[in-house]
Amino acid sequence: MELKVQQRTLDLAQSREQVQALAANLTSLIEEEKTRIAREVHDVLGQALTSLKMDVAWLEQRLPEDDSDAQRSTPLREKTRAMSQHIDATIHSVQRIASELRPALLDDFGLEAAIEWQM
């Protein structure tokens, strides 16, 4: 009877170790996926938004500056400025989302610093 209890205790300990190893592996996989998604969000959306911002700046530079067409160019200038501001706000949102998915602090300074940063 004692042998069966010892065997069950041993089996239970091994089972716990396996569960802990699986949980650690799962956590690692989740963190890797969050890092991949954060990089992709930052890189792909960041590049697209930067390109769009450059296009808006190019357009704004080519709007007429003379007073002969002031009524038409002023609203266009205001619109391009508003678009540029909206792009800037979206870029900041992308940076925030990427950072929330995977703070660079976590990789650079570790878990403790990342937790302090979140507070």
C-alpha atoms as a PDB file:
ATOM      1  CA  MET A   1       0.000   0.000   0.000  1.00  0.00           C
ATOM      2  CA  GLU A   2       2.841   2.360   0.934  1.00  0.00           C
ATOM      3  CA  LEU A   3       4.463   1.680  -2.460  1.00  0.00           C
ATOM      4  CA  LYS A   4       1.275   2.703  -4.287  1.00  0.00           C
ATOM      5  CA  VAL A   5       1.088   5.965  -2.334  1.00  0.00           C
ATOM      6  CA  GLN A   6       4.725   6.720  -3.121  1.00  0.00           C
ATOM      7  CA  GLN A   7       4.154   5.930  -6.798  1.00  0.00           C
ATOM      8  CA  ARG A   8       1.091   8.196  -6.923  1.00  0.00           C
ATOM      9  CA  THR A   9       3.034  10.964  -5.199  1.00  0.00           C
ATOM     10  CA  LEU A  10       5.814  10.572  -7.732  1.00  0.00           C
ATOM     11  CA  ASP A  11       3.320  10.536 -10.613  1.00  0.00           C
ATOM     12  CA  LEU A  12       1.664  13.647  -9.249  1.00  0.00           C
ATOM     13  CA  ALA A  13       4.997  15.462  -8.951  1.00  0.00           C
ATOM     14  CA  GLN A  14       5.913  14.512 -12.519  1.00  0.00           C
ATOM     15  CA  SER A  15       2.512  15.643 -13.724  1.00  0.00           C
ATOM     16  CA  ARG A  16       2.966  19.018 -11.999  1.00  0.00           C
ATOM     17  CA  GLU A  17       6.379  19.425 -13.608  1.00  0.00           C
ATOM     18  CA  GLN A  18       4.896  18.671 -17.021  1.00  0.00           C
ATOM     19  CA  VAL A  19       2.087  21.174 -16.485  1.00  0.00           C
ATOM     20  CA  GLN A  20       4.596  23.815 -15.372  1.00  0.00           C
ATOM     21  CA  ALA A  21       6.776  23.131 -18.410  1.00  0.00           C
ATOM     22  CA  LEU A  22       3.759  23.353 -20.726  1.00  0.00           C
ATOM     23  CA  ALA A  23       2.617  26.588 -19.088  1.00  0.00           C
ATOM     24  CA  ALA A  24       6.097  28.093 -19.441  1.00  0.00           C
ATOM     25  CA  ASN A  25       6.239  27.012 -23.077  1.00  0.00           C
ATOM     26  CA  LEU A  26       2.792  28.469 -23.746  1.00  0.00           C
ATOM     27  CA  THR A  27       3.768  31.752 -22.094  1.00  0.00           C
ATOM     28  CA  SER A  28       6.911  31.881 -24.208  1.00  0.00           C
ATOM     29  CA  LEU A  29       4.933  31.243 -27.403  1.00  0.00           C
ATOM     30  CA  ILE A  30       2.410  33.948 -26.491  1.00  0.00           C
ATOM     31  CA  GLU A  31       5.175  36.471 -25.855  1.00  0.00           C
ATOM     32  CA  GLU A  32       6.883  35.585 -29.140  1.00  0.00           C
ATOM     33  CA  GLU A  33       3.598  36.049 -31.021  1.00  0.00           C
ATOM     34  CA  LYS A  34       2.913  39.373 -29.301  1.00  0.00           C
ATOM     35  CA  THR A  35       6.423  40.513 -30.244  1.00  0.00           C
ATOM     36  CA  ARG A  36       5.870  39.486 -33.875  1.00  0.00           C
ATOM     37  CA  ILE A  37       2.504  41.237 -34.052  1.00  0.00           C
ATOM     38  CA  ALA A  38       3.868  44.379 -32.375  1.00  0.00           C
ATOM     39  CA  ARG A  39       6.742  44.564 -34.860  1.00  0.00           C
ATOM     40  CA  GLU A  40       4.424  43.988 -37.800  1.00  0.00           C
ATOM     41  CA  VAL A  41       1.945  46.612 -36.616  1.00  0.00           C
ATOM     42  CA  HIS A  42       4.744  49.091 -36.044  1.00  0.00           C
ATOM     43  CA  ASP A  43       6.651  48.381 -39.244  1.00  0.00           C
ATOM     44  CA  VAL A  44       3.870  47.891 -41.785  1.00  0.00           C
ATOM     45  CA  LEU A  45       1.450  50.518 -40.534  1.00  0.00           C
ATOM     46  CA  GLY A  46       4.261  52.890 -39.623  1.00  0.00           C
ATOM     47  CA  GLN A  47       5.698  52.715 -43.149  1.00  0.00           C
ATOM     48  CA  ALA A  48       2.295  53.169 -44.772  1.00  0.00           C
ATOM     49  CA  LEU A  49       1.445  56.154 -42.589  1.00  0.00           C
ATOM     50  CA  THR A  50       4.851  57.750 -43.130  1.00  0.00           C
ATOM     51  CA  SER A  51       4.436  57.360 -46.881  1.00  0.00           C
ATOM     52  CA  LEU A  52       0.971  58.875 -46.689  1.00  0.00           C
ATOM     53  CA  LYS A  53       2.314  61.788 -44.636  1.00  0.00           C
ATOM     54  CA  MET A  54       4.982  62.431 -47.276  1.00  0.00           C
ATOM     55  CA  ASP A  55       2.319  62.397 -50.013  1.00  0.00           C
ATOM     56  CA  VAL A  56       0.204  64.923 -48.111  1.00  0.00           C
ATOM     57  CA  ALA A  57       3.261  67.165 -47.609  1.00  0.00           C
ATOM     58  CA  TRP A  58       4.049  66.889 -51.331  1.00  0.00           C
ATOM     59  CA  LEU A  59       0.477  67.842 -52.182  1.00  0.00           C
ATOM     60  CA  GLU A  60       0.493  70.768 -49.758  1.00  0.00           C
ATOM     61  CA  GLN A  61       3.693  72.147 -51.302  1.00  0.00           C
ATOM     62  CA  ARG A  62       2.097  72.162 -54.732  1.00  0.00           C
ATOM     63  CA  LEU A  63      -1.000  74.102 -53.797  1.00  0.00           C
ATOM     64  CA  PRO A  64      -1.107  77.579 -55.345  1.00  0.00           C
ATOM     65  CA  GLU A  65       0.193  80.332 -53.102  1.00  0.00           C
ATOM     66  CA  ASP A  66      -0.867  83.369 -55.100  1.00  0.00           C
ATOM     67  CA  ASP A  67      -3.912  85.378 -54.108  1.00  0.00           C
ATOM     68  CA  SER A  68      -5.621  84.851 -57.467  1.00  0.00           C
ATOM     69  CA  ASP A  69      -6.958  81.494 -56.325  1.00  0.00           C
ATOM     70  CA  ALA A  70      -6.971  82.116 -52.551  1.00  0.00           C
ATOM     71  CA  GLN A  71     -10.574  81.066 -52.012  1.00  0.00           C
ATOM     72  CA  ARG A  72      -9.836  77.674 -53.508  1.00  0.00           C
ATOM     73  CA  SER A  73      -6.369  77.055 -52.050  1.00  0.00           C
ATOM     74  CA  THR A  74      -7.117  78.045 -48.442  1.00  0.00           C
ATOM     75  CA  PRO A  75      -9.627  75.222 -47.812  1.00  0.00           C
ATOM     76  CA  LEU A  76      -7.282  72.793 -49.557  1.00  0.00           C
ATOM     77  CA  ARG A  77      -4.373  73.889 -47.353  1.00  0.00           C
ATOM     78  CA  GLU A  78      -6.538  73.536 -44.255  1.00  0.00           C
ATOM     79  CA  LYS A  79      -7.614  70.082 -45.363  1.00  0.00           C
ATOM     80  CA  THR A  80      -4.044  68.909 -46.027  1.00  0.00           C
ATOM     81  CA  ARG A  81      -2.946  70.232 -42.623  1.00  0.00           C
ATOM     82  CA  ALA A  82      -5.852  68.431 -40.962  1.00  0.00           C
ATOM     83  CA  MET A  83      -4.930  65.240 -42.830  1.00  0.00           C
ATOM     84  CA  SER A  84      -1.322  65.585 -41.708  1.00  0.00           C
ATOM     85  CA  GLN A  85      -2.410  66.027 -38.084  1.00  0.00           C
ATOM     86  CA  HIS A  86      -4.697  63.015 -38.356  1.00  0.00           C
ATOM     87  CA  ILE A  87      -1.829  60.928 -39.749  1.00  0.00           C
ATOM     88  CA  ASP A  88       0.407  62.068 -36.856  1.00  0.00           C
ATOM     89  CA  ALA A  89      -2.257  61.039 -34.341  1.00  0.00           C
ATOM     90  CA  THR A  90      -2.623  57.665 -36.044  1.00  0.00           C
ATOM     91  CA  ILE A  91       1.160  57.135 -36.002  1.00  0.00           C
ATOM     92  CA  HIS A  92       1.151  57.796 -32.249  1.00  0.00           C
ATOM     93  CA  SER A  93      -1.714  55.298 -31.839  1.00  0.00           C
ATOM     94  CA  VAL A  94       0.229  52.657 -33.767  1.00  0.00           C
ATOM     95  CA  GLN A  95       3.281  53.262 -31.564  1.00  0.00           C
ATOM     96  CA  ARG A  96       1.138  53.013 -28.425  1.00  0.00           C
ATOM     97  CA  ILE A  97      -0.569  49.802 -29.557  1.00  0.00           C
ATOM     98  CA  ALA A  98       2.743  48.189 -30.519  1.00  0.00           C
ATOM     99  CA  SER A  99       4.224  49.221 -27.181  1.00  0.00           C
ATOM    100  CA  GLU A 100       1.252  47.840 -25.258  1.00  0.00           C
ATOM    101  CA  LEU A 101       1.514  44.536 -27.106  1.00  0.00           C
ATOM    102  CA  ARG A 102       5.176  44.202 -26.293  1.00  0.00           C
ATOM    103  CA  PRO A 103       6.994  46.983 -24.458  1.00  0.00           C
ATOM    104  CA  ALA A 104      10.570  47.377 -25.686  1.00  0.00           C
ATOM    105  CA  LEU A 105      11.414  47.882 -22.023  1.00  0.00           C
ATOM    106  CA  LEU A 106      10.662  44.211 -21.472  1.00  0.00           C
ATOM    107  CA  ASP A 107      13.400  43.152 -23.878  1.00  0.00           C
ATOM    108  CA  ASP A 108      15.842  45.906 -22.916  1.00  0.00           C
ATOM    109  CA  PHE A 109      15.486  46.075 -19.117  1.00  0.00           C
ATOM    110  CA  GLY A 110      13.426  43.076 -18.023  1.00  0.00           C
ATOM    111  CA  LEU A 111      10.091  42.335 -16.437  1.00  0.00           C
ATOM    112  CA  GLU A 112      10.487  44.500 -13.330  1.00  0.00           C
ATOM    113  CA  ALA A 113      11.170  47.678 -15.337  1.00  0.00           C
ATOM    114  CA  ALA A 114       8.275  46.905 -17.713  1.00  0.00           C
ATOM    115  CA  ILE A 115       5.880  46.450 -14.780  1.00  0.00           C
ATOM    116  CA  GLU A 116       7.024  49.718 -13.202  1.00  0.00           C
ATOM    117  CA  TRP A 117       6.532  51.481 -16.543  1.00  0.00           C
ATOM    118  CA  GLN A 118       2.951  50.159 -16.776  1.00  0.00           C
ATOM    119  CA  MET A 119       2.072  51.598 -13.346  1.00  0.00           C
END
